[in-house]
């Protein structure tokens, strides 16, 4: 399986998803992954840390699936994508432009991505506390 999916705890104490992409991501891989993070999926609602350093590429069919299923606000979770490969960074930035995501940000280093997710999780927790 080209995705290694686990959970971890952000510094603020919130549970988060960590996905590590490995090798070539196909349409079937993308479909499996999206089912994990969409409503009803085991990881739905968690902040997401996506590590792409071990990915070689994403097939056009996988890119199409990701862009189609994140359009229209399907993606409601904060997502940080870490990538060092120029090819993967271009692919992810392209998908972000197509989906018009306001909840996903690209990073070159994992600690920066975790700090950004932690800040978002703290803000969300403060908003929930203020609303009650």
Protein backbone atom coordinates (compact mmCIF):
# COMPACT_ATOMS: atom_id res chain seq x y z
CA UNK A 1 0.00 0.00 0.00
CA UNK A 2 1.55 3.31 -1.04
CA UNK A 3 0.14 5.08 2.03
CA UNK A 4 1.28 4.53 5.58
CA UNK A 5 -1.49 6.08 7.68
CA UNK A 6 -1.19 6.54 11.45
CA UNK A 7 -2.27 9.03 14.07
CA UNK A 8 -0.18 11.17 16.36
CA UNK A 9 -0.76 13.87 18.97
CA UNK A 10 -0.11 17.54 18.22
CA UNK A 11 1.66 19.59 20.94
CA UNK A 12 -1.73 21.04 21.99
CA UNK A 13 -3.04 17.52 22.65
CA UNK A 14 -5.26 17.16 19.56
CA UNK A 15 -5.20 13.86 17.68
CA UNK A 16 -4.01 14.18 14.07
CA UNK A 17 -3.52 11.99 11.00
CA UNK A 18 -0.08 11.35 9.53
CA UNK A 19 0.07 9.95 6.01
CA UNK A 20 3.30 8.96 4.32
CA UNK A 21 3.06 8.55 0.56
CA UNK A 22 5.46 5.96 -0.85
CA UNK A 23 6.30 5.23 -4.49
CA UNK A 24 3.66 5.80 -7.17
CA UNK A 25 0.18 6.86 -6.06
CA UNK A 26 -2.52 5.40 -8.34
CA UNK A 27 -6.22 6.09 -8.69
CA UNK A 28 -7.04 3.09 -6.46
CA UNK A 29 -4.63 4.38 -3.81
CA UNK A 30 -6.18 7.85 -3.99
CA UNK A 31 -9.70 6.40 -3.73
CA UNK A 32 -8.75 4.33 -0.67
CA UNK A 33 -7.13 7.33 0.99
CA UNK A 34 -10.04 9.70 0.28
CA UNK A 35 -12.46 7.19 1.83
CA UNK A 36 -10.40 7.40 5.04
CA UNK A 37 -10.67 11.20 5.33
CA UNK A 38 -14.14 11.86 3.89
CA UNK A 39 -17.31 11.89 6.06
CA UNK A 40 -17.80 8.41 7.47
CA UNK A 41 -14.11 7.56 7.16
CA UNK A 42 -12.01 6.46 10.13
CA UNK A 43 -9.84 9.60 9.96
CA UNK A 44 -12.52 12.17 9.10
CA UNK A 45 -12.29 15.40 11.06
CA UNK A 46 -8.66 15.07 12.12
CA UNK A 47 -5.99 17.62 11.24
CA UNK A 48 -3.82 16.03 8.55
CA UNK A 49 -0.06 15.88 8.05
CA UNK A 50 0.86 14.50 4.61
CA UNK A 51 4.51 13.56 4.03
CA UNK A 52 5.41 13.20 0.36
CA UNK A 53 9.20 12.90 0.50
CA UNK A 54 9.07 9.18 -0.36
CA UNK A 55 6.58 9.57 -3.22
CA UNK A 56 7.89 9.16 -6.75
CA UNK A 57 4.84 10.46 -8.57
CA UNK A 58 1.07 10.56 -8.70
CA UNK A 59 -0.71 9.18 -11.76
CA UNK A 60 -2.96 11.52 -13.77
CA UNK A 61 -5.96 9.43 -12.66
CA UNK A 62 -5.02 9.90 -8.98
CA UNK A 63 -4.59 13.65 -9.50
CA UNK A 64 -7.98 13.80 -11.18
CA UNK A 65 -9.64 11.89 -8.35
CA UNK A 66 -8.06 14.09 -5.66
CA UNK A 67 -9.05 17.30 -7.44
CA UNK A 68 -12.62 16.11 -8.12
CA UNK A 69 -13.24 14.92 -4.57
CA UNK A 70 -11.83 17.99 -2.86
CA UNK A 71 -13.71 20.53 -5.00
CA UNK A 72 -16.68 22.26 -3.49
CA UNK A 73 -15.45 22.21 0.08
CA UNK A 74 -15.37 18.46 0.68
CA UNK A 75 -12.07 19.01 2.43
CA UNK A 76 -12.96 20.47 5.84
CA UNK A 77 -9.89 19.45 7.81
CA UNK A 78 -6.68 21.41 8.22
CA UNK A 79 -4.03 19.77 6.06
CA UNK A 80 -0.29 20.37 5.96
CA UNK A 81 1.63 18.83 3.06
CA UNK A 82 5.39 18.38 3.38
CA UNK A 83 7.31 17.89 0.17
CA UNK A 84 10.87 18.30 -0.96
CA UNK A 85 10.64 16.90 -4.50
CA UNK A 86 10.04 19.62 -7.08
CA UNK A 87 7.74 17.29 -9.04
CA UNK A 88 5.56 16.50 -6.03
CA UNK A 89 5.50 20.16 -4.92
CA UNK A 90 4.29 21.21 -8.40
CA UNK A 91 1.65 18.46 -8.37
CA UNK A 92 0.37 19.39 -4.91
CA UNK A 93 0.33 23.11 -5.66
CA UNK A 94 -1.61 22.38 -8.87
CA UNK A 95 -4.18 20.36 -6.92
CA UNK A 96 -4.49 23.11 -4.32
CA UNK A 97 -5.18 25.70 -7.03
CA UNK A 98 -7.81 23.51 -8.68
CA UNK A 99 -9.58 22.68 -5.43
CA UNK A 100 -9.27 26.26 -4.14
CA UNK A 101 -8.49 24.86 -0.73
CA UNK A 102 -8.21 27.39 2.06
CA UNK A 103 -7.44 24.73 4.65
CA UNK A 104 -4.31 23.20 3.11
CA UNK A 105 -0.81 24.59 3.08
CA UNK A 106 2.46 23.30 1.58
CA UNK A 107 5.67 23.14 3.65
CA UNK A 108 9.24 22.08 3.00
CA UNK A 109 9.91 20.86 6.57
CA UNK A 110 7.84 18.70 8.91
CA UNK A 111 8.35 20.77 12.12
CA UNK A 112 6.92 23.86 10.37
CA UNK A 113 3.91 21.87 9.20
CA UNK A 114 3.26 20.47 12.69
CA UNK A 115 3.53 23.95 14.24
CA UNK A 116 1.01 25.30 11.70
CA UNK A 117 -1.43 22.43 12.36
CA UNK A 118 -1.01 22.88 16.10
CA UNK A 119 -1.84 26.58 15.83
CA UNK A 120 -5.00 25.80 13.80
CA UNK A 121 -6.08 23.11 16.29
CA UNK A 122 -5.59 25.54 19.20
CA UNK A 123 -7.66 28.19 17.40
CA UNK A 124 -10.43 25.67 16.66
CA UNK A 125 -10.48 24.52 20.29
CA UNK A 126 -10.67 28.14 21.51
CA UNK A 127 -13.60 28.83 19.14
CA UNK A 128 -15.47 25.77 20.41
CA UNK A 129 -14.88 26.80 24.01
CA UNK A 130 -16.09 30.34 23.34
CA UNK A 131 -19.23 29.03 21.61
CA UNK A 132 -20.28 27.02 24.66
